[in-house]
C-alpha atoms as a PDB file:
ATOM      1  CA  UNK A   1     130.022 119.957-185.146  1.00  0.00           C
ATOM      2  CA  UNK A   2     131.075 123.631-185.280  1.00  0.00           C
ATOM      3  CA  UNK A   3     134.331 125.113-185.972  1.00  0.00           C
ATOM      4  CA  UNK A   4     136.233 127.484-183.167  1.00  0.00           C
ATOM      5  CA  UNK A   5     137.430 130.271-184.806  1.00  0.00           C
ATOM      6  CA  UNK A   6     141.006 130.478-183.968  1.00  0.00           C
ATOM      7  CA  UNK A   7     142.763 133.968-184.604  1.00  0.00           C
ATOM      8  CA  UNK A   8     145.952 134.590-186.078  1.00  0.00           C
ATOM      9  CA  UNK A   9     148.141 138.121-185.821  1.00  0.00           C
ATOM     10  CA  UNK A  10     151.252 138.276-187.610  1.00  0.00           C
ATOM     11  CA  UNK A  11     153.175 141.730-186.614  1.00  0.00           C
ATOM     12  CA  UNK A  12     155.056 141.723-189.590  1.00  0.00           C
ATOM     13  CA  UNK A  13     153.538 140.587-193.289  1.00  0.00           C
ATOM     14  CA  UNK A  14     157.111 140.447-194.922  1.00  0.00           C
ATOM     15  CA  UNK A  15     158.697 137.831-192.372  1.00  0.00           C
ATOM     16  CA  UNK A  16     155.776 136.001-192.114  1.00  0.00           C
ATOM     17  CA  UNK A  17     155.498 135.434-196.197  1.00  0.00           C
ATOM     18  CA  UNK A  18     159.332 134.635-196.343  1.00  0.00           C
ATOM     19  CA  UNK A  19     158.657 131.521-193.781  1.00  0.00           C
ATOM     20  CA  UNK A  20     155.302 130.654-196.154  1.00  0.00           C
ATOM     21  CA  UNK A  21     157.472 130.350-199.238  1.00  0.00           C
ATOM     22  CA  UNK A  22     160.069 128.066-197.630  1.00  0.00           C
ATOM     23  CA  UNK A  23     157.765 126.282-196.664  1.00  0.00           C
ATOM     24  CA  UNK A  24     156.265 126.051-200.056  1.00  0.00           C
ATOM     25  CA  UNK A  25     159.372 125.652-201.615  1.00  0.00           C
ATOM     26  CA  UNK A  26     159.758 125.435-205.213  1.00  0.00           C
ATOM     27  CA  UNK A  27     156.106 125.903-206.115  1.00  0.00           C
ATOM     28  CA  UNK A  28     156.063 128.667-204.307  1.00  0.00           C
ATOM     29  CA  UNK A  29     154.706 132.109-206.377  1.00  0.00           C
ATOM     30  CA  UNK A  30     156.884 134.962-206.192  1.00  0.00           C
ATOM     31  CA  UNK A  31     157.077 137.273-202.908  1.00  0.00           C
ATOM     32  CA  UNK A  32     154.450 139.960-203.725  1.00  0.00           C
ATOM     33  CA  UNK A  33     152.288 137.536-205.090  1.00  0.00           C
ATOM     34  CA  UNK A  34     152.021 135.751-201.613  1.00  0.00           C
ATOM     35  CA  UNK A  35     152.009 138.693-200.208  1.00  0.00           C
ATOM     36  CA  UNK A  36     148.439 139.792-202.195  1.00  0.00           C
ATOM     37  CA  UNK A  37     147.254 136.363-201.693  1.00  0.00           C
ATOM     38  CA  UNK A  38     147.881 136.223-198.121  1.00  0.00           C
ATOM     39  CA  UNK A  39     145.970 140.326-197.808  1.00  0.00           C
ATOM     40  CA  UNK A  40     143.399 138.821-199.584  1.00  0.00           C
ATOM     41  CA  UNK A  41     142.774 135.929-197.576  1.00  0.00           C
ATOM     42  CA  UNK A  42     142.487 138.443-194.800  1.00  0.00           C
ATOM     43  CA  UNK A  43     139.825 140.486-196.493  1.00  0.00           C
ATOM     44  CA  UNK A  44     142.032 143.087-198.048  1.00  0.00           C
ATOM     45  CA  UNK A  45     142.079 143.624-201.839  1.00  0.00           C
ATOM     46  CA  UNK A  46     145.513 143.211-201.987  1.00  0.00           C
ATOM     47  CA  UNK A  47     148.698 144.602-199.858  1.00  0.00           C
ATOM     48  CA  UNK A  48     148.448 147.987-200.396  1.00  0.00           C
ATOM     49  CA  UNK A  49     144.787 148.032-199.085  1.00  0.00           C
ATOM     50  CA  UNK A  50     146.023 146.234-196.028  1.00  0.00           C
ATOM     51  CA  UNK A  51     148.764 148.659-195.614  1.00  0.00           C
ATOM     52  CA  UNK A  52     146.463 151.488-195.852  1.00  0.00           C
ATOM     53  CA  UNK A  53     144.328 149.980-193.692  1.00  0.00           C
ATOM     54  CA  UNK A  54     146.771 149.561-190.973  1.00  0.00           C
ATOM     55  CA  UNK A  55     148.378 153.050-191.429  1.00  0.00           C
ATOM     56  CA  UNK A  56     144.618 154.607-190.943  1.00  0.00           C
ATOM     57  CA  UNK A  57     144.067 152.754-188.114  1.00  0.00           C
ATOM     58  CA  UNK A  58     147.622 154.263-186.777  1.00  0.00           C
ATOM     59  CA  UNK A  59     146.579 157.767-187.030  1.00  0.00           C
ATOM     60  CA  UNK A  60     143.112 157.535-185.792  1.00  0.00           C
ATOM     61  CA  UNK A  61     144.591 155.441-183.330  1.00  0.00           C
ATOM     62  CA  UNK A  62     147.209 158.675-182.278  1.00  0.00           C
ATOM     63  CA  UNK A  63     144.288 161.042-182.880  1.00  0.00           C
ATOM     64  CA  UNK A  64     142.164 159.447-180.302  1.00  0.00           C
ATOM     65  CA  UNK A  65     143.294 161.407-177.134  1.00  0.00           C
ATOM     66  CA  UNK A  66     140.592 162.807-175.328  1.00  0.00           C
ATOM     67  CA  UNK A  67     140.083 166.605-176.070  1.00  0.00           C
ATOM     68  CA  UNK A  68     141.427 168.850-173.165  1.00  0.00           C
ATOM     69  CA  UNK A  69     138.383 170.538-171.319  1.00  0.00           C
ATOM     70  CA  UNK A  70     138.082 174.338-170.925  1.00  0.00           C
ATOM     71  CA  UNK A  71     139.579 175.120-167.939  1.00  0.00           C
ATOM     72  CA  UNK A  72     138.093 178.783-167.456  1.00  0.00           C
ATOM     73  CA  UNK A  73     134.504 177.667-168.302  1.00  0.00           C
ATOM     74  CA  UNK A  74     135.130 174.927-165.770  1.00  0.00           C
ATOM     75  CA  UNK A  75     136.850 177.264-163.260  1.00  0.00           C
ATOM     76  CA  UNK A  76     133.969 179.614-164.073  1.00  0.00           C
ATOM     77  CA  UNK A  77     131.035 176.940-163.730  1.00  0.00           C
ATOM     78  CA  UNK A  78     132.672 176.066-160.609  1.00  0.00           C
ATOM     79  CA  UNK A  79     133.045 179.103-158.319  1.00  0.00           C
ATOM     80  CA  UNK A  80     129.237 179.516-158.584  1.00  0.00           C
ATOM     81  CA  UNK A  81     129.217 176.163-156.369  1.00  0.00           C
ATOM     82  CA  UNK A  82     129.162 176.617-152.421  1.00  0.00           C
ATOM     83  CA  UNK A  83     131.732 174.514-150.464  1.00  0.00           C
ATOM     84  CA  UNK A  84     128.746 172.054-149.994  1.00  0.00           C
ATOM     85  CA  UNK A  85     128.127 171.483-153.782  1.00  0.00           C
ATOM     86  CA  UNK A  86     125.325 173.571-153.993  1.00  0.00           C
ATOM     87  CA  UNK A  87     124.590 176.007-156.994  1.00  0.00           C
ATOM     88  CA  UNK A  88     124.094 179.617-155.594  1.00  0.00           C
ATOM     89  CA  UNK A  89     123.291 181.608-158.588  1.00  0.00           C
ATOM     90  CA  UNK A  90     122.089 181.553-161.604  1.00  0.00           C
ATOM     91  CA  UNK A  91     125.160 181.709-164.102  1.00  0.00           C
ATOM     92  CA  UNK A  92     124.303 184.239-167.121  1.00  0.00           C
ATOM     93  CA  UNK A  93     126.468 182.806-169.674  1.00  0.00           C
ATOM     94  CA  UNK A  94     125.174 180.272-171.820  1.00  0.00           C
ATOM     95  CA  UNK A  95     128.257 177.558-171.331  1.00  0.00           C
ATOM     96  CA  UNK A  96     128.819 177.654-168.027  1.00  0.00           C
ATOM     97  CA  UNK A  97     124.774 177.540-167.463  1.00  0.00           C
ATOM     98  CA  UNK A  98     124.994 174.018-169.364  1.00  0.00           C
ATOM     99  CA  UNK A  99     127.642 173.032-167.299  1.00  0.00           C
ATOM    100  CA  UNK A 100     126.167 174.035-163.935  1.00  0.00           C
ATOM    101  CA  UNK A 101     122.840 172.089-165.378  1.00  0.00           C
ATOM    102  CA  UNK A 102     125.280 168.681-165.845  1.00  0.00           C
ATOM    103  CA  UNK A 103     126.043 168.864-162.201  1.00  0.00           C
ATOM    104  CA  UNK A 104     122.456 169.146-161.213  1.00  0.00           C
ATOM    105  CA  UNK A 105     121.867 166.348-164.068  1.00  0.00           C
ATOM    106  CA  UNK A 106     124.084 164.046-161.774  1.00  0.00           C
ATOM    107  CA  UNK A 107     121.904 164.367-158.583  1.00  0.00           C
ATOM    108  CA  UNK A 108     118.911 163.588-160.763  1.00  0.00           C
ATOM    109  CA  UNK A 109     118.306 159.497-159.699  1.00  0.00           C
ATOM    110  CA  UNK A 110     119.117 157.716-163.159  1.00  0.00           C
ATOM    111  CA  UNK A 111     116.616 155.559-164.596  1.00  0.00           C
ATOM    112  CA  UNK A 112     113.568 156.063-163.059  1.00  0.00           C
ATOM    113  CA  UNK A 113     110.802 158.082-163.658  1.00  0.00           C
ATOM    114  CA  UNK A 114     109.748 161.002-160.877  1.00  0.00           C
ATOM    115  CA  UNK A 115     107.033 163.215-160.584  1.00  0.00           C
ATOM    116  CA  UNK A 116     107.511 167.174-160.627  1.00  0.00           C
ATOM    117  CA  UNK A 117     107.574 167.377-156.668  1.00  0.00           C
ATOM    118  CA  UNK A 118     110.725 164.710-156.538  1.00  0.00           C
ATOM    119  CA  UNK A 119     112.041 166.317-159.591  1.00  0.00           C
ATOM    120  CA  UNK A 120     111.657 170.390-157.688  1.00  0.00           C
ATOM    121  CA  UNK A 121     113.292 168.552-154.107  1.00  0.00           C
ATOM    122  CA  UNK A 122     116.064 166.703-156.116  1.00  0.00           C
ATOM    123  CA  UNK A 123     116.858 170.795-157.340  1.00  0.00           C
ATOM    124  CA  UNK A 124     115.943 172.034-154.108  1.00  0.00           C
ATOM    125  CA  UNK A 125     118.612 170.198-152.524  1.00  0.00           C
ATOM    126  CA  UNK A 126     121.077 171.171-155.094  1.00  0.00           C
ATOM    127  CA  UNK A 127     120.554 175.177-155.569  1.00  0.00           C
ATOM    128  CA  UNK A 128     120.640 178.194-153.178  1.00  0.00           C
ATOM    129  CA  UNK A 129     118.487 180.693-155.255  1.00  0.00           C
ATOM    130  CA  UNK A 130     114.848 178.582-154.494  1.00  0.00           C
ATOM    131  CA  UNK A 131     113.741 178.601-158.804  1.00  0.00           C
ATOM    132  CA  UNK A 132     113.265 174.751-159.540  1.00  0.00           C
ATOM    133  CA  UNK A 133     111.025 175.868-162.484  1.00  0.00           C
ATOM    134  CA  UNK A 134     113.769 177.150-164.478  1.00  0.00           C
ATOM    135  CA  UNK A 135     115.926 175.106-163.718  1.00  0.00           C
ATOM    136  CA  UNK A 136     113.563 171.903-164.796  1.00  0.00           C
ATOM    137  CA  UNK A 137     113.036 174.489-168.148  1.00  0.00           C
ATOM    138  CA  UNK A 138     115.971 174.267-169.502  1.00  0.00           C
ATOM    139  CA  UNK A 139     117.459 170.928-168.285  1.00  0.00           C
ATOM    140  CA  UNK A 140     114.592 169.784-170.940  1.00  0.00           C
ATOM    141  CA  UNK A 141     115.268 172.194-173.377  1.00  0.00           C
ATOM    142  CA  UNK A 142     118.812 171.688-173.274  1.00  0.00           C
ATOM    143  CA  UNK A 143     118.095 167.697-173.022  1.00  0.00           C
ATOM    144  CA  UNK A 144     118.943 166.523-169.780  1.00  0.00           C
ATOM    145  CA  UNK A 145     115.767 165.498-168.801  1.00  0.00           C
ATOM    146  CA  UNK A 146     112.187 165.199-170.505  1.00  0.00           C
ATOM    147  CA  UNK A 147     109.069 164.760-169.254  1.00  0.00           C
ATOM    148  CA  UNK A 148     105.743 163.958-169.773  1.00  0.00           C
ATOM    149  CA  UNK A 149     103.060 166.536-171.713  1.00  0.00           C
ATOM    150  CA  UNK A 150     100.938 166.891-168.330  1.00  0.00           C
ATOM    151  CA  UNK A 151     103.790 166.974-166.291  1.00  0.00           C
ATOM    152  CA  UNK A 152     103.692 163.804-164.665  1.00  0.00           C
ATOM    153  CA  UNK A 153     106.439 162.265-165.129  1.00  0.00           C
ATOM    154  CA  UNK A 154     110.438 163.514-165.320  1.00  0.00           C
ATOM    155  CA  UNK A 155     113.177 161.168-166.786  1.00  0.00           C
ATOM    156  CA  UNK A 156     116.926 161.594-166.529  1.00  0.00           C
ATOM    157  CA  UNK A 157     117.808 161.448-170.338  1.00  0.00           C
ATOM    158  CA  UNK A 158     121.205 159.159-170.096  1.00  0.00           C
ATOM    159  CA  UNK A 159     123.845 159.892-172.152  1.00  0.00           C
ATOM    160  CA  UNK A 160     127.861 160.776-172.036  1.00  0.00           C
ATOM    161  CA  UNK A 161     128.235 164.085-170.590  1.00  0.00           C
ATOM    162  CA  UNK A 162     131.404 166.470-172.583  1.00  0.00           C
ATOM    163  CA  UNK A 163     134.830 166.203-171.435  1.00  0.00           C
ATOM    164  CA  UNK A 164     133.867 169.828-169.207  1.00  0.00           C
ATOM    165  CA  UNK A 165     130.772 168.414-167.917  1.00  0.00           C
ATOM    166  CA  UNK A 166     132.699 165.037-166.754  1.00  0.00           C
ATOM    167  CA  UNK A 167     135.444 167.680-164.066  1.00  0.00           C
ATOM    168  CA  UNK A 168     132.458 169.498-163.110  1.00  0.00           C
ATOM    169  CA  UNK A 169     130.229 167.018-161.649  1.00  0.00           C
ATOM    170  CA  UNK A 170     133.588 164.855-160.755  1.00  0.00           C
ATOM    171  CA  UNK A 171     134.314 168.554-158.136  1.00  0.00           C
ATOM    172  CA  UNK A 172     130.747 168.977-157.330  1.00  0.00           C
ATOM    173  CA  UNK A 173     130.855 165.278-156.164  1.00  0.00           C
ATOM    174  CA  UNK A 174     133.266 165.377-153.972  1.00  0.00           C
ATOM    175  CA  UNK A 175     132.054 168.908-152.342  1.00  0.00           C
ATOM    176  CA  UNK A 176     128.502 166.774-152.044  1.00  0.00           C
ATOM    177  CA  UNK A 177     130.410 164.166-150.369  1.00  0.00           C
ATOM    178  CA  UNK A 178     131.682 166.372-147.784  1.00  0.00           C
ATOM    179  CA  UNK A 179     128.606 167.674-146.967  1.00  0.00           C
ATOM    180  CA  UNK A 180     126.745 164.346-146.749  1.00  0.00           C
ATOM    181  CA  UNK A 181     129.399 163.622-143.862  1.00  0.00           C
END
């Protein structure tokens, strides 16, 4: 018969060890020895190792706040899209180009291979300056799309967009929804 693991969480080690020492009575080792024994049973070298690991975990959790978006770059990218969420012109700055491409990336279907004509159709629906080839090539060079050597198949590369790109994608998606109504 297999054993079902029973998790044990202790908020503070000291009261736990004191209670354990009381239960052991006269046979109980010293407080520090007992704390080290419990730490080793939990997989640590000793109680100092356990404390250091706990402190490091707290510091990492405090630092794990998501980075803030670069509001100026996001604003510049959004300014290039019309009220319907279509890219009006090709940006001159590379950082703004990348953010704009993320919005176009979101319009390409995920997890599905499409041919060049279909990719062009998706891109043409989302921009006004009639240059899907530049958009395709730049999306491939930026790692947003992949294609076969013969150009017969394109796929969107699934990945987590950066914080700035998420904000642009979200805002442009709102405009696209308004366009489709």
